[in-house]
N, C-alpha and C. Protein backbone atom coordinates (compact mmCIF):
# COMPACT_ATOMS: atom_id res chain seq x y z
N UNK A 1 -36.69 9.48 -35.24
CA UNK A 1 -36.36 10.57 -35.90
C UNK A 1 -37.47 11.03 -36.69
N UNK A 2 -38.13 10.80 -37.27
CA UNK A 2 -39.28 11.50 -38.32
C UNK A 2 -40.13 11.81 -36.97
N UNK A 3 -40.60 11.86 -35.77
CA UNK A 3 -41.22 12.51 -34.71
C UNK A 3 -40.51 13.53 -34.12
N UNK A 4 -39.21 13.19 -33.99
CA UNK A 4 -37.88 14.64 -33.34
C UNK A 4 -37.78 15.15 -34.49
N UNK A 5 -38.46 15.19 -35.51
CA UNK A 5 -37.61 16.01 -36.69
C UNK A 5 -37.43 17.71 -36.17
N UNK A 6 -38.26 18.16 -35.45
CA UNK A 6 -37.81 19.68 -34.98
C UNK A 6 -37.02 19.80 -34.49
N UNK A 7 -36.50 18.34 -33.33
CA UNK A 7 -35.23 18.58 -32.40
C UNK A 7 -34.08 18.23 -33.64
N UNK A 8 -34.22 17.58 -34.17
CA UNK A 8 -33.03 17.59 -34.77
C UNK A 8 -32.77 18.84 -36.02
N UNK A 9 -33.85 19.50 -36.19
CA UNK A 9 -33.64 20.74 -37.14
C UNK A 9 -32.62 21.82 -36.27
N UNK A 10 -33.30 21.82 -35.11
CA UNK A 10 -33.02 22.88 -34.01
C UNK A 10 -31.34 22.62 -33.58
N UNK A 11 -30.80 21.75 -34.17
CA UNK A 11 -29.53 20.91 -33.48
C UNK A 11 -28.74 20.80 -35.24
N UNK A 12 -29.88 21.82 -36.24
CA UNK A 12 -28.65 22.05 -37.02
C UNK A 12 -28.60 20.74 -38.05
N UNK A 13 -29.02 19.68 -37.72
CA UNK A 13 -29.10 18.54 -38.43
C UNK A 13 -29.84 18.33 -39.48
N UNK A 14 -30.10 17.61 -40.78
CA UNK A 14 -30.78 17.63 -41.81
C UNK A 14 -30.97 15.81 -41.83
N UNK A 15 -31.81 15.73 -41.59
CA UNK A 15 -32.27 13.75 -41.72
C UNK A 15 -32.41 13.35 -43.07
N UNK A 16 -31.64 12.40 -43.54
CA UNK A 16 -32.16 11.36 -45.03
C UNK A 16 -31.74 10.74 -44.85
N UNK A 17 -32.86 9.69 -45.55
CA UNK A 17 -32.88 8.18 -45.27
C UNK A 17 -32.40 7.79 -46.46
N UNK A 18 -32.24 6.62 -46.28
CA UNK A 18 -31.10 5.48 -47.81
C UNK A 18 -31.70 4.60 -47.64
N UNK A 19 -32.42 3.94 -49.06
CA UNK A 19 -33.21 2.74 -48.87
C UNK A 19 -32.69 1.81 -50.42
N UNK A 20 -32.57 0.95 -50.12
CA UNK A 20 -32.03 -0.07 -51.78
C UNK A 20 -33.43 -0.02 -52.64
N UNK A 21 -34.59 0.38 -52.40
CA UNK A 21 -35.57 0.37 -53.29
C UNK A 21 -35.52 1.75 -54.26
N UNK A 22 -36.06 1.65 -55.16
CA UNK A 22 -36.05 2.73 -56.21
C UNK A 22 -37.33 3.87 -55.36
N UNK A 23 -36.95 5.08 -56.42
CA UNK A 23 -37.56 6.32 -56.14
C UNK A 23 -39.26 6.19 -55.96
N UNK A 24 -39.79 5.42 -57.16
CA UNK A 24 -40.98 5.12 -56.61
C UNK A 24 -41.97 4.43 -55.26
N UNK A 25 -41.06 3.23 -55.14
CA UNK A 25 -41.23 2.76 -53.81
C UNK A 25 -41.12 3.73 -52.61
N UNK A 26 -40.03 4.64 -52.45
CA UNK A 26 -39.97 5.69 -51.87
C UNK A 26 -41.01 6.62 -51.60
N UNK A 27 -41.60 7.11 -52.91
CA UNK A 27 -42.48 7.64 -52.53
C UNK A 27 -44.00 7.81 -51.60
N UNK A 28 -44.14 6.37 -52.06
CA UNK A 28 -45.20 5.62 -51.28
C UNK A 28 -45.03 5.14 -50.05
N UNK A 29 -43.92 5.10 -49.58
CA UNK A 29 -43.34 4.75 -48.13
C UNK A 29 -43.50 5.77 -47.38
N UNK A 30 -42.74 6.90 -47.89
CA UNK A 30 -42.72 8.17 -47.26
C UNK A 30 -44.34 8.70 -46.98
N UNK A 31 -45.13 8.61 -47.77
CA UNK A 31 -46.55 9.00 -47.64
C UNK A 31 -47.28 8.28 -46.77
N UNK A 32 -47.00 6.88 -46.84
CA UNK A 32 -48.03 6.18 -46.21
C UNK A 32 -47.16 6.00 -44.51
N UNK A 33 -46.21 6.52 -44.19
CA UNK A 33 -45.23 6.55 -42.68
C UNK A 33 -45.57 8.30 -42.48
N UNK A 34 -45.54 8.81 -43.50
CA UNK A 34 -45.88 10.40 -42.92
C UNK A 34 -44.15 11.23 -42.92
N UNK A 35 -43.30 10.65 -43.58
CA UNK A 35 -41.72 11.13 -43.23
C UNK A 35 -42.06 12.40 -44.22
N UNK A 36 -41.44 13.34 -43.37
CA UNK A 36 -41.14 14.91 -43.90
C UNK A 36 -39.36 15.08 -43.69
N UNK A 37 -38.72 14.17 -44.70
CA UNK A 37 -37.51 14.05 -45.17
C UNK A 37 -37.09 13.10 -46.54
N UNK A 38 -36.63 13.32 -47.17
CA UNK A 38 -36.13 12.62 -48.54
C UNK A 38 -35.66 11.45 -47.89
N UNK A 39 -36.01 10.15 -48.76
CA UNK A 39 -35.43 8.95 -48.73
C UNK A 39 -34.82 8.73 -50.15
N UNK A 40 -32.98 8.39 -50.58
CA UNK A 40 -32.71 8.54 -51.23
C UNK A 40 -32.38 7.21 -51.87
N UNK A 41 -32.49 6.75 -52.82
CA UNK A 41 -32.33 5.64 -53.32
C UNK A 41 -30.91 4.86 -53.58
N UNK A 42 -30.70 3.93 -53.32
CA UNK A 42 -29.35 3.43 -53.23
C UNK A 42 -29.43 1.68 -53.90
N UNK A 43 -29.88 1.79 -55.04
CA UNK A 43 -30.24 0.45 -56.03
C UNK A 43 -29.38 -0.07 -55.83
N UNK A 44 -28.10 0.14 -56.15
CA UNK A 44 -26.96 -0.53 -56.02
C UNK A 44 -25.98 -1.08 -55.11
N UNK A 45 -26.46 -0.55 -53.97
CA UNK A 45 -26.21 -0.25 -52.18
C UNK A 45 -24.41 0.20 -52.46
N UNK A 46 -24.17 1.15 -53.48
CA UNK A 46 -23.21 1.79 -53.20
C UNK A 46 -22.49 2.58 -52.09
N UNK A 47 -23.71 3.42 -51.52
CA UNK A 47 -23.52 4.38 -50.34
C UNK A 47 -23.91 3.28 -49.38
N UNK A 48 -24.73 2.20 -49.47
CA UNK A 48 -24.96 1.35 -48.56
C UNK A 48 -23.25 0.83 -47.85
N UNK A 49 -22.56 -0.13 -48.68
CA UNK A 49 -21.56 -0.20 -48.70
C UNK A 49 -20.09 0.68 -48.16
N UNK A 50 -20.76 1.71 -48.69
CA UNK A 50 -19.59 2.86 -48.52
C UNK A 50 -19.91 2.92 -46.55
N UNK A 51 -20.91 3.04 -45.81
CA UNK A 51 -20.92 3.32 -44.83
C UNK A 51 -21.40 2.19 -43.81
N UNK A 52 -21.01 0.97 -44.39
CA UNK A 52 -20.74 0.20 -43.76
C UNK A 52 -22.32 -0.88 -43.08
N UNK A 53 -23.42 -0.50 -43.94
CA UNK A 53 -24.73 -1.13 -44.14
C UNK A 53 -24.99 -2.26 -44.81
N UNK A 54 -24.42 -2.28 -45.75
CA UNK A 54 -24.52 -3.31 -46.71
C UNK A 54 -24.35 -4.76 -45.90
N UNK A 55 -25.15 -6.21 -45.92
CA UNK A 55 -24.72 -7.35 -45.25
C UNK A 55 -25.32 -8.21 -46.54
N UNK A 56 -24.29 -9.07 -46.91
CA UNK A 56 -24.75 -9.72 -48.01
C UNK A 56 -26.02 -9.83 -48.75
N UNK A 57 -26.06 -8.79 -49.25
CA UNK A 57 -26.64 -8.06 -50.69
C UNK A 57 -27.89 -7.80 -50.32
N UNK A 58 -28.25 -7.85 -48.84
CA UNK A 58 -29.25 -6.72 -48.43
C UNK A 58 -28.37 -5.15 -47.70
N UNK A 59 -29.58 -4.87 -46.77
CA UNK A 59 -28.98 -3.58 -46.15
C UNK A 59 -29.50 -3.94 -44.64
N UNK A 60 -28.79 -3.65 -43.56
CA UNK A 60 -29.16 -3.81 -42.13
C UNK A 60 -29.42 -2.18 -41.91
N UNK A 61 -30.30 -1.72 -41.24
CA UNK A 61 -30.92 -0.70 -40.54
C UNK A 61 -29.59 -0.26 -39.71
N UNK A 62 -28.75 0.90 -40.18
CA UNK A 62 -27.98 1.90 -39.38
C UNK A 62 -28.06 3.40 -39.67
N UNK A 63 -27.73 3.88 -38.36
CA UNK A 63 -27.85 5.09 -38.36
C UNK A 63 -26.37 5.84 -38.39
N UNK A 64 -26.10 6.76 -39.40
CA UNK A 64 -24.95 7.17 -39.56
C UNK A 64 -24.92 9.26 -39.47
N UNK A 65 -24.40 9.54 -38.68
CA UNK A 65 -24.53 11.00 -38.15
C UNK A 65 -23.42 11.73 -39.22
N UNK A 66 -23.37 12.53 -39.97
CA UNK A 66 -21.87 13.18 -40.46
C UNK A 66 -22.03 14.66 -39.70
N UNK A 67 -20.77 15.33 -39.95
CA UNK A 67 -20.85 16.30 -39.32
C UNK A 67 -20.60 17.25 -40.56
N UNK A 68 -20.48 18.31 -40.37
CA UNK A 68 -20.25 19.96 -41.30
C UNK A 68 -19.19 19.63 -41.83
N UNK A 69 -18.06 19.04 -41.22
CA UNK A 69 -16.90 18.62 -41.72
C UNK A 69 -16.79 17.57 -42.56
N UNK A 70 -17.63 16.67 -42.59
CA UNK A 70 -17.75 15.61 -43.31
C UNK A 70 -17.03 14.63 -42.41
N UNK A 71 -16.98 14.51 -41.46
CA UNK A 71 -16.54 13.64 -40.36
C UNK A 71 -17.82 13.11 -39.68
N UNK A 72 -17.82 11.92 -39.85
CA UNK A 72 -18.39 10.53 -39.17
C UNK A 72 -18.74 10.82 -37.53
N UNK A 73 -19.62 11.42 -37.10
CA UNK A 73 -19.96 11.00 -35.85
C UNK A 73 -20.60 10.68 -34.76
N UNK A 74 -21.26 9.67 -35.61
CA UNK A 74 -22.16 8.53 -34.89
C UNK A 74 -22.05 7.49 -36.16
N UNK A 75 -21.88 6.26 -35.49
CA UNK A 75 -22.58 5.08 -36.58
C UNK A 75 -22.98 4.17 -35.72
N UNK A 76 -24.16 3.47 -36.01
CA UNK A 76 -24.66 2.41 -34.75
C UNK A 76 -25.61 1.59 -35.46
N UNK A 77 -25.60 0.32 -35.61
CA UNK A 77 -26.73 -0.67 -36.25
C UNK A 77 -27.76 -0.53 -35.47
N UNK A 78 -29.34 -0.66 -36.08
CA UNK A 78 -30.33 -0.91 -35.45
C UNK A 78 -31.22 0.68 -35.10
N UNK A 79 -31.45 0.60 -33.77
CA UNK A 79 -32.54 1.92 -33.93
C UNK A 79 -32.11 2.49 -32.79
N UNK A 80 -30.92 3.41 -32.62
CA UNK A 80 -30.17 4.38 -31.27
C UNK A 80 -31.72 5.21 -31.46
N UNK A 81 -31.48 5.76 -30.05
CA UNK A 81 -32.59 6.68 -29.53
C UNK A 81 -32.23 8.22 -30.55
N UNK A 82 -33.20 8.88 -30.36
CA UNK A 82 -33.08 10.20 -30.20
C UNK A 82 -31.85 11.36 -30.01
N UNK A 83 -32.40 10.86 -28.55
CA UNK A 83 -31.40 11.32 -27.67
C UNK A 83 -29.94 10.94 -27.74
N UNK A 84 -29.68 9.35 -28.26
CA UNK A 84 -28.32 9.18 -28.38
C UNK A 84 -27.47 9.75 -29.51
N UNK A 85 -28.35 10.26 -30.58
CA UNK A 85 -28.34 10.49 -31.81
C UNK A 85 -27.96 12.30 -31.76
N UNK A 86 -28.54 12.73 -30.83
CA UNK A 86 -28.35 14.31 -31.08
C UNK A 86 -27.23 14.54 -30.12
N UNK A 87 -26.68 13.41 -28.81
CA UNK A 87 -25.70 13.85 -28.24
C UNK A 87 -24.36 13.96 -28.83
N UNK A 88 -24.59 13.27 -29.86
CA UNK A 88 -23.24 12.99 -30.85
C UNK A 88 -23.14 14.29 -31.15
N UNK A 89 -23.76 14.88 -31.83
CA UNK A 89 -23.70 16.55 -32.16
C UNK A 89 -23.22 17.56 -31.26
N UNK A 90 -23.34 17.39 -29.99
CA UNK A 90 -22.55 18.53 -29.37
C UNK A 90 -20.79 18.16 -28.89
């Protein structure tokens, strides 16, 4: 998603990451990997649990696309392709 950020923006999508680490760790991570989008801190795993990404006290990589109407349009574990995610916007 990082490398296709312009495609997501053109489709009207905002990219947000969520991680269980604290904000300081996120700043360093974003700088290291060149993320041009925010990473939200979910230290208590509240958001991860709400979106089904929490597993055994940790977090599994999950992609969730929420439409402007607040309805989940896409939900998949792992690393779906950007084309797969963007297709859910149509």
